[in-house]
Amino acid sequence: MGKIAILGGTFDPVHWGHVLAAETAASQFSLDRVIWVPDRSPPHKWRPDLASFDRRREMLALAIADRPDFLLSPPEANPSGSSFAIDTLLYLQKLYPGDMWYWIIGSDALLTLPKWHRCGEIAGLCDWLVAPRRSQGDRETGESEEIGGSSEWGDCASGKPIDSGGDRMQVQANAVGRRVAEQMALLDVEIRWEVLSMPAIEISSSHIRRCCAESRNLRYLVPEVVRTYIAAHQLYQ
């Protein structure tokens, strides 16, 4: 039986925070594969500067090309007009039957799990690997229509590279896990979750887009191949 994790999000653009979370999960839980699932253009997150689905997929493909255990999901995993997480999971489970499934998610996004479409079903179909994330009052939380229901993990206003209070963020992430588990228990659903052993990542997709608009250097924020791609295609300007 293989061990496969899903990491979903807008990835606009993919950055080192995403990669660190995937690498931490793969190492900590001996995952065989991490499947990256970029969502399409969720209505609640539409912006004039939103990179196209194809552009975001291409940046993802470049960012994970050197990791054979990191796979880009087929476009059919989240067809146009439907980005429900449950549909994506069921589709991928058909491609890899008999494997054990995990979902990598930021602690801020995990808070929205009880609001997801068919949350009671998806909650029990995989283990939840929770990456510590600072709660953001102005985060763009997507309920169920975004793959993973995340707030574009790392798409917060601060743009801080690493949170110095790592232990505190681990405690907060555990508190979030317990809170969500209690909420799901009210629906007679038991969830399995663990917090990733990593610092809280505050690299921000919105901060990266802002840097692009201001012609600032993206080095150390995104993989070099992604930085080159953004520059070549003049994205987020």
C-alpha atoms as a PDB file:
ATOM      1  CA  MET A   1       0.000   0.000   0.000  1.00  0.00           C
ATOM      2  CA  GLY A   2       1.410   3.353  -1.057  1.00  0.00           C
ATOM      3  CA  LYS A   3       1.177   6.612   0.875  1.00  0.00           C
ATOM      4  CA  ILE A   4       0.026   9.620  -1.175  1.00  0.00           C
ATOM      5  CA  ALA A   5      -0.615  13.206  -0.108  1.00  0.00           C
ATOM      6  CA  ILE A   6      -2.515  15.951  -1.889  1.00  0.00           C
ATOM      7  CA  LEU A   7      -1.370  19.560  -1.732  1.00  0.00           C
ATOM      8  CA  GLY A   8      -3.917  21.893  -3.282  1.00  0.00           C
ATOM      9  CA  GLY A   9      -4.094  25.630  -3.744  1.00  0.00           C
ATOM     10  CA  THR A  10      -4.152  28.498  -6.178  1.00  0.00           C
ATOM     11  CA  PHE A  11      -0.322  28.579  -6.355  1.00  0.00           C
ATOM     12  CA  ASP A  12      -0.323  32.104  -7.741  1.00  0.00           C
ATOM     13  CA  PRO A  13       2.621  31.736  -7.717  1.00  0.00           C
ATOM     14  CA  VAL A  14       4.047  28.598  -6.116  1.00  0.00           C
ATOM     15  CA  HIS A  15       6.743  29.549  -3.603  1.00  0.00           C
ATOM     16  CA  TRP A  16       9.264  28.069  -1.181  1.00  0.00           C
ATOM     17  CA  GLY A  17       6.689  27.838   1.598  1.00  0.00           C
ATOM     18  CA  HIS A  18       4.669  25.356  -0.461  1.00  0.00           C
ATOM     19  CA  VAL A  19       7.779  23.355  -1.282  1.00  0.00           C
ATOM     20  CA  LEU A  20       8.970  23.222   2.329  1.00  0.00           C
ATOM     21  CA  ALA A  21       5.584  21.955   3.502  1.00  0.00           C
ATOM     22  CA  ALA A  22       5.546  19.228   0.855  1.00  0.00           C
ATOM     23  CA  GLU A  23       9.124  18.183   1.622  1.00  0.00           C
ATOM     24  CA  THR A  24       8.454  18.136   5.366  1.00  0.00           C
ATOM     25  CA  ALA A  25       5.349  15.996   4.926  1.00  0.00           C
ATOM     26  CA  ALA A  26       7.129  13.612   2.556  1.00  0.00           C
ATOM     27  CA  SER A  27       9.998  13.127   5.006  1.00  0.00           C
ATOM     28  CA  GLN A  28       8.018  13.052   8.253  1.00  0.00           C
ATOM     29  CA  PHE A  29       5.421  10.554   7.011  1.00  0.00           C
ATOM     30  CA  SER A  30       7.511   8.594   4.475  1.00  0.00           C
ATOM     31  CA  LEU A  31       5.179   9.533   1.634  1.00  0.00           C
ATOM     32  CA  ASP A  32       5.600   7.842  -1.725  1.00  0.00           C
ATOM     33  CA  ARG A  33       4.051  10.727  -3.648  1.00  0.00           C
ATOM     34  CA  VAL A  34       2.828  14.267  -3.170  1.00  0.00           C
ATOM     35  CA  ILE A  35       0.278  15.238  -5.810  1.00  0.00           C
ATOM     36  CA  TRP A  36       0.059  18.994  -6.394  1.00  0.00           C
ATOM     37  CA  VAL A  37      -3.402  20.180  -7.415  1.00  0.00           C
ATOM     38  CA  PRO A  38      -3.698  23.764  -8.690  1.00  0.00           C
ATOM     39  CA  ASP A  39      -7.251  25.018  -8.618  1.00  0.00           C
ATOM     40  CA  ARG A  40      -8.841  26.950 -11.424  1.00  0.00           C
ATOM     41  CA  SER A  41     -10.216  30.462 -10.899  1.00  0.00           C
ATOM     42  CA  PRO A  42     -12.477  30.336  -7.843  1.00  0.00           C
ATOM     43  CA  PRO A  43     -15.081  33.146  -7.992  1.00  0.00           C
ATOM     44  CA  HIS A  44     -14.322  34.278  -4.431  1.00  0.00           C
ATOM     45  CA  LYS A  45     -10.666  34.802  -5.333  1.00  0.00           C
ATOM     46  CA  TRP A  46     -10.864  36.258  -8.812  1.00  0.00           C
ATOM     47  CA  ARG A  47      -8.450  39.135  -9.419  1.00  0.00           C
ATOM     48  CA  PRO A  48      -7.458  41.024 -12.557  1.00  0.00           C
ATOM     49  CA  ASP A  49      -3.865  39.853 -12.093  1.00  0.00           C
ATOM     50  CA  LEU A  50      -4.731  36.190 -11.452  1.00  0.00           C
ATOM     51  CA  ALA A  51      -2.370  34.122 -13.580  1.00  0.00           C
ATOM     52  CA  SER A  52      -4.148  31.701 -15.878  1.00  0.00           C
ATOM     53  CA  PHE A  53      -4.631  28.094 -14.876  1.00  0.00           C
ATOM     54  CA  ASP A  54      -2.155  27.000 -17.552  1.00  0.00           C
ATOM     55  CA  ARG A  55       0.492  29.484 -16.387  1.00  0.00           C
ATOM     56  CA  ARG A  56       0.154  28.342 -12.785  1.00  0.00           C
ATOM     57  CA  ARG A  57       0.387  24.702 -13.826  1.00  0.00           C
ATOM     58  CA  GLU A  58       3.521  25.451 -15.821  1.00  0.00           C
ATOM     59  CA  MET A  59       5.152  27.193 -12.852  1.00  0.00           C
ATOM     60  CA  LEU A  60       4.270  24.240 -10.638  1.00  0.00           C
ATOM     61  CA  ALA A  61       5.714  21.781 -13.136  1.00  0.00           C
ATOM     62  CA  LEU A  62       8.990  23.721 -13.159  1.00  0.00           C
ATOM     63  CA  ALA A  63       9.131  24.010  -9.372  1.00  0.00           C
ATOM     64  CA  ILE A  64       8.768  20.270  -8.732  1.00  0.00           C
ATOM     65  CA  ALA A  65      10.595  18.918 -11.792  1.00  0.00           C
ATOM     66  CA  ASP A  66      13.604  17.748  -9.766  1.00  0.00           C
ATOM     67  CA  ARG A  67      11.510  15.665  -7.382  1.00  0.00           C
ATOM     68  CA  PRO A  68      10.263  12.400  -8.904  1.00  0.00           C
ATOM     69  CA  ASP A  69       7.993  11.893  -5.888  1.00  0.00           C
ATOM     70  CA  PHE A  70       6.232  15.226  -6.526  1.00  0.00           C
ATOM     71  CA  LEU A  71       3.566  14.901  -9.227  1.00  0.00           C
ATOM     72  CA  LEU A  72       1.332  17.439 -10.952  1.00  0.00           C
ATOM     73  CA  SER A  73      -2.278  16.326 -10.991  1.00  0.00           C
ATOM     74  CA  PRO A  74      -3.964  15.855 -14.375  1.00  0.00           C
ATOM     75  CA  PRO A  75      -6.280  18.748 -15.336  1.00  0.00           C
ATOM     76  CA  GLU A  76      -9.211  16.340 -15.105  1.00  0.00           C
ATOM     77  CA  ALA A  77      -8.713  16.205 -11.333  1.00  0.00           C
ATOM     78  CA  ASN A  78     -10.469  19.569 -11.055  1.00  0.00           C
ATOM     79  CA  PRO A  79     -12.451  20.237 -14.251  1.00  0.00           C
ATOM     80  CA  SER A  80     -13.666  23.693 -15.159  1.00  0.00           C
ATOM     81  CA  GLY A  81     -16.658  24.708 -13.107  1.00  0.00           C
ATOM     82  CA  SER A  82     -15.948  22.254 -10.272  1.00  0.00           C
ATOM     83  CA  SER A  83     -13.144  22.602  -7.761  1.00  0.00           C
ATOM     84  CA  PHE A  84     -14.682  20.735  -4.878  1.00  0.00           C
ATOM     85  CA  ALA A  85     -12.015  18.960  -2.855  1.00  0.00           C
ATOM     86  CA  ILE A  86     -14.088  15.786  -2.518  1.00  0.00           C
ATOM     87  CA  ASP A  87     -14.360  15.441  -6.300  1.00  0.00           C
ATOM     88  CA  THR A  88     -10.596  15.801  -6.658  1.00  0.00           C
ATOM     89  CA  LEU A  89      -9.873  13.232  -3.964  1.00  0.00           C
ATOM     90  CA  LEU A  90     -12.305  10.665  -5.372  1.00  0.00           C
ATOM     91  CA  TYR A  91     -10.880  11.153  -8.874  1.00  0.00           C
ATOM     92  CA  LEU A  92      -7.299  10.633  -7.682  1.00  0.00           C
ATOM     93  CA  GLN A  93      -8.261   7.621  -5.593  1.00  0.00           C
ATOM     94  CA  LYS A  94      -9.507   5.964  -8.765  1.00  0.00           C
ATOM     95  CA  LEU A  95      -6.098   6.552 -10.357  1.00  0.00           C
ATOM     96  CA  TYR A  96      -4.280   5.102  -7.346  1.00  0.00           C
ATOM     97  CA  PRO A  97      -6.617   2.498  -5.807  1.00  0.00           C
ATOM     98  CA  GLY A  98      -5.703   0.867  -2.533  1.00  0.00           C
ATOM     99  CA  ASP A  99      -3.313   3.566  -1.343  1.00  0.00           C
ATOM    100  CA  MET A 100      -3.414   5.496   1.928  1.00  0.00           C
ATOM    101  CA  TRP A 101      -4.292   9.174   1.473  1.00  0.00           C
ATOM    102  CA  TYR A 102      -3.180  12.335   3.228  1.00  0.00           C
ATOM    103  CA  TRP A 103      -4.049  16.002   2.721  1.00  0.00           C
ATOM    104  CA  ILE A 104      -1.435  18.697   3.394  1.00  0.00           C
ATOM    105  CA  ILE A 105      -3.167  21.828   4.618  1.00  0.00           C
ATOM    106  CA  GLY A 106      -2.363  25.043   6.461  1.00  0.00           C
ATOM    107  CA  SER A 107      -3.786  25.355   9.945  1.00  0.00           C
ATOM    108  CA  ASP A 108      -5.732  28.462   8.899  1.00  0.00           C
ATOM    109  CA  ALA A 109      -7.373  26.545   6.049  1.00  0.00           C
ATOM    110  CA  LEU A 110      -8.111  23.547   8.265  1.00  0.00           C
ATOM    111  CA  LEU A 111     -10.434  25.818  10.232  1.00  0.00           C
ATOM    112  CA  THR A 112     -12.724  25.941   7.189  1.00  0.00           C
ATOM    113  CA  LEU A 113     -13.010  22.144   6.871  1.00  0.00           C
ATOM    114  CA  PRO A 114     -16.439  21.946   8.589  1.00  0.00           C
ATOM    115  CA  LYS A 115     -17.774  24.254   5.836  1.00  0.00           C
ATOM    116  CA  TRP A 116     -16.451  22.214   2.920  1.00  0.00           C
ATOM    117  CA  HIS A 117     -18.777  20.546   0.458  1.00  0.00           C
ATOM    118  CA  ARG A 118     -19.466  16.999   1.744  1.00  0.00           C
ATOM    119  CA  CYS A 119     -17.090  17.660   4.633  1.00  0.00           C
ATOM    120  CA  GLY A 120     -18.235  14.595   6.528  1.00  0.00           C
ATOM    121  CA  GLU A 121     -17.218  12.364   3.641  1.00  0.00           C
ATOM    122  CA  ILE A 122     -13.855  13.850   2.766  1.00  0.00           C
ATOM    123  CA  ALA A 123     -12.799  14.242   6.413  1.00  0.00           C
ATOM    124  CA  GLY A 124     -12.657  10.495   6.914  1.00  0.00           C
ATOM    125  CA  LEU A 125     -11.091   9.588   3.590  1.00  0.00           C
ATOM    126  CA  CYS A 126      -7.625  10.933   4.379  1.00  0.00           C
ATOM    127  CA  ASP A 127      -5.287  11.923   7.193  1.00  0.00           C
ATOM    128  CA  TRP A 128      -4.757  15.667   7.595  1.00  0.00           C
ATOM    129  CA  LEU A 129      -1.176  16.918   7.782  1.00  0.00           C
ATOM    130  CA  VAL A 130      -1.341  20.397   9.249  1.00  0.00           C
ATOM    131  CA  ALA A 131       1.287  23.023   8.504  1.00  0.00           C
ATOM    132  CA  PRO A 132       1.503  25.770  11.149  1.00  0.00           C
ATOM    133  CA  ARG A 133       0.119  29.036   9.822  1.00  0.00           C
ATOM    134  CA  ARG A 134      -0.477  32.353  11.511  1.00  0.00           C
ATOM    135  CA  SER A 135      -4.183  33.190  11.660  1.00  0.00           C
ATOM    136  CA  GLN A 136      -4.907  36.197   9.494  1.00  0.00           C
ATOM    137  CA  GLY A 137      -7.916  38.377  10.115  1.00  0.00           C
ATOM    138  CA  ASP A 138      -7.869  39.458   6.482  1.00  0.00           C
ATOM    139  CA  ARG A 139      -7.165  36.040   4.969  1.00  0.00           C
ATOM    140  CA  GLU A 140      -9.143  35.132   1.882  1.00  0.00           C
ATOM    141  CA  THR A 141     -10.780  31.969   3.134  1.00  0.00           C
ATOM    142  CA  GLY A 142     -12.412  29.825   0.534  1.00  0.00           C
ATOM    143  CA  GLU A 143     -15.105  27.618   1.917  1.00  0.00           C
ATOM    144  CA  SER A 144     -15.459  24.535  -0.218  1.00  0.00           C
ATOM    145  CA  GLU A 145     -15.077  25.619  -3.780  1.00  0.00           C
ATOM    146  CA  GLU A 146     -11.308  25.962  -3.735  1.00  0.00           C
ATOM    147  CA  ILE A 147      -9.212  22.834  -3.942  1.00  0.00           C
ATOM    148  CA  GLY A 148      -8.141  22.245  -0.379  1.00  0.00           C
ATOM    149  CA  GLY A 149     -10.344  25.075   0.831  1.00  0.00           C
ATOM    150  CA  SER A 150      -7.177  26.985   1.592  1.00  0.00           C
ATOM    151  CA  SER A 151      -6.659  30.717   1.702  1.00  0.00           C
ATOM    152  CA  GLU A 152      -3.931  30.295  -0.903  1.00  0.00           C
ATOM    153  CA  TRP A 153      -1.596  28.884   1.631  1.00  0.00           C
ATOM    154  CA  GLY A 154       0.921  31.606   2.261  1.00  0.00           C
ATOM    155  CA  ASP A 155      -1.388  34.226   0.750  1.00  0.00           C
ATOM    156  CA  CYS A 156      -1.359  36.493   3.754  1.00  0.00           C
ATOM    157  CA  ALA A 157      -0.619  40.161   4.012  1.00  0.00           C
ATOM    158  CA  SER A 158       2.554  40.018   6.077  1.00  0.00           C
ATOM    159  CA  GLY A 159       4.988  38.399   3.667  1.00  0.00           C
ATOM    160  CA  LYS A 160       7.328  37.474   6.523  1.00  0.00           C
ATOM    161  CA  PRO A 161       9.794  34.728   5.544  1.00  0.00           C
ATOM    162  CA  ILE A 162       9.777  32.680   8.755  1.00  0.00           C
ATOM    163  CA  ASP A 163       7.918  33.104  12.015  1.00  0.00           C
ATOM    164  CA  SER A 164      10.353  33.231  14.951  1.00  0.00           C
ATOM    165  CA  GLY A 165       7.856  31.801  17.430  1.00  0.00           C
ATOM    166  CA  GLY A 166       7.980  28.310  15.982  1.00  0.00           C
ATOM    167  CA  ASP A 167       7.029  26.539  19.205  1.00  0.00           C
ATOM    168  CA  ARG A 168       4.101  28.878  19.758  1.00  0.00           C
ATOM    169  CA  MET A 169       2.841  28.280  16.226  1.00  0.00           C
ATOM    170  CA  GLN A 170       3.094  24.518  16.757  1.00  0.00           C
ATOM    171  CA  VAL A 171       0.948  24.883  19.870  1.00  0.00           C
ATOM    172  CA  GLN A 172      -1.556  26.991  17.955  1.00  0.00           C
ATOM    173  CA  ALA A 173      -1.675  24.480  15.098  1.00  0.00           C
ATOM    174  CA  ASN A 174      -2.399  21.687  17.573  1.00  0.00           C
ATOM    175  CA  ALA A 175      -5.136  23.807  19.118  1.00  0.00           C
ATOM    176  CA  VAL A 176      -6.669  24.285  15.678  1.00  0.00           C
ATOM    177  CA  GLY A 177      -6.573  20.548  15.043  1.00  0.00           C
ATOM    178  CA  ARG A 178      -8.355  19.822  18.306  1.00  0.00           C
ATOM    179  CA  ARG A 179     -10.960  22.497  17.642  1.00  0.00           C
ATOM    180  CA  VAL A 180     -11.759  21.184  14.178  1.00  0.00           C
ATOM    181  CA  ALA A 181     -11.841  17.603  15.476  1.00  0.00           C
ATOM    182  CA  GLU A 182     -14.423  18.673  18.061  1.00  0.00           C
ATOM    183  CA  GLN A 183     -16.508  20.420  15.405  1.00  0.00           C
ATOM    184  CA  MET A 184     -16.424  17.375  13.136  1.00  0.00           C
ATOM    185  CA  ALA A 185     -17.306  15.101  16.085  1.00  0.00           C
ATOM    186  CA  LEU A 186     -20.605  16.991  16.329  1.00  0.00           C
ATOM    187  CA  LEU A 187     -21.280  15.640  12.833  1.00  0.00           C
ATOM    188  CA  ASP A 188     -20.346  12.124  13.976  1.00  0.00           C
ATOM    189  CA  VAL A 189     -17.139  12.312  11.935  1.00  0.00           C
ATOM    190  CA  GLU A 190     -13.737  11.406  13.357  1.00  0.00           C
ATOM    191  CA  ILE A 191     -10.733  13.000  11.684  1.00  0.00           C
ATOM    192  CA  ARG A 192      -7.116  11.900  11.869  1.00  0.00           C
ATOM    193  CA  TRP A 193      -4.637  14.769  11.927  1.00  0.00           C
ATOM    194  CA  GLU A 194      -1.043  15.571  12.823  1.00  0.00           C
ATOM    195  CA  VAL A 195       0.950  18.782  12.799  1.00  0.00           C
ATOM    196  CA  LEU A 196       3.998  18.965  10.550  1.00  0.00           C
ATOM    197  CA  SER A 197       7.334  19.509  12.292  1.00  0.00           C
ATOM    198  CA  MET A 198       8.206  22.759  10.567  1.00  0.00           C
ATOM    199  CA  PRO A 199       8.275  26.478  11.318  1.00  0.00           C
ATOM    200  CA  ALA A 200       5.294  28.626  10.464  1.00  0.00           C
ATOM    201  CA  ILE A 201       5.904  29.839   6.936  1.00  0.00           C
ATOM    202  CA  GLU A 202       4.918  33.404   6.189  1.00  0.00           C
ATOM    203  CA  ILE A 203       6.134  33.654   2.619  1.00  0.00           C
ATOM    204  CA  SER A 204       3.161  35.170   0.885  1.00  0.00           C
ATOM    205  CA  SER A 205       1.885  34.768  -2.656  1.00  0.00           C
ATOM    206  CA  SER A 206       0.260  38.180  -2.371  1.00  0.00           C
ATOM    207  CA  HIS A 207       3.576  39.633  -1.175  1.00  0.00           C
ATOM    208  CA  ILE A 208       5.332  38.027  -4.141  1.00  0.00           C
ATOM    209  CA  ARG A 209       2.811  39.539  -6.557  1.00  0.00           C
ATOM    210  CA  ARG A 210       3.318  42.905  -4.863  1.00  0.00           C
ATOM    211  CA  CYS A 211       7.089  42.551  -5.297  1.00  0.00           C
ATOM    212  CA  CYS A 212       6.564  41.875  -8.998  1.00  0.00           C
ATOM    213  CA  ALA A 213       4.393  44.962  -9.379  1.00  0.00           C
ATOM    214  CA  GLU A 214       7.129  47.006  -7.690  1.00  0.00           C
ATOM    215  CA  SER A 215       9.939  45.384  -9.736  1.00  0.00           C
ATOM    216  CA  ARG A 216      11.554  43.937  -6.604  1.00  0.00           C
ATOM    217  CA  ASN A 217      13.744  40.839  -6.558  1.00  0.00           C
ATOM    218  CA  LEU A 218      12.008  37.508  -5.933  1.00  0.00           C
ATOM    219  CA  ARG A 219      15.164  35.607  -5.113  1.00  0.00           C
ATOM    220  CA  TYR A 220      14.757  33.424  -2.003  1.00  0.00           C
ATOM    221  CA  LEU A 221      10.959  33.708  -2.232  1.00  0.00           C
ATOM    222  CA  VAL A 222      10.348  31.355  -5.157  1.00  0.00           C
ATOM    223  CA  PRO A 223      12.413  28.651  -6.887  1.00  0.00           C
ATOM    224  CA  GLU A 224      14.783  30.166  -9.436  1.00  0.00           C
ATOM    225  CA  VAL A 225      12.993  28.485 -12.352  1.00  0.00           C
ATOM    226  CA  VAL A 226       9.745  30.105 -11.208  1.00  0.00           C
ATOM    227  CA  ARG A 227      11.418  33.500 -10.853  1.00  0.00           C
ATOM    228  CA  THR A 228      12.751  33.193 -14.397  1.00  0.00           C
ATOM    229  CA  TYR A 229       9.338  32.143 -15.716  1.00  0.00           C
ATOM    230  CA  ILE A 230       7.592  35.072 -14.020  1.00  0.00           C
ATOM    231  CA  ALA A 231      10.102  37.498 -15.513  1.00  0.00           C
ATOM    232  CA  ALA A 232       9.965  35.958 -18.990  1.00  0.00           C
ATOM    233  CA  HIS A 233       6.159  36.146 -19.106  1.00  0.00           C
ATOM    234  CA  GLN A 234       5.944  39.477 -17.253  1.00  0.00           C
ATOM    235  CA  LEU A 235       3.422  38.125 -14.756  1.00  0.00           C
ATOM    236  CA  TYR A 236       1.883  40.201 -11.953  1.00  0.00           C
ATOM    237  CA  GLN A 237       3.015  43.531 -13.383  1.00  0.00           C
END
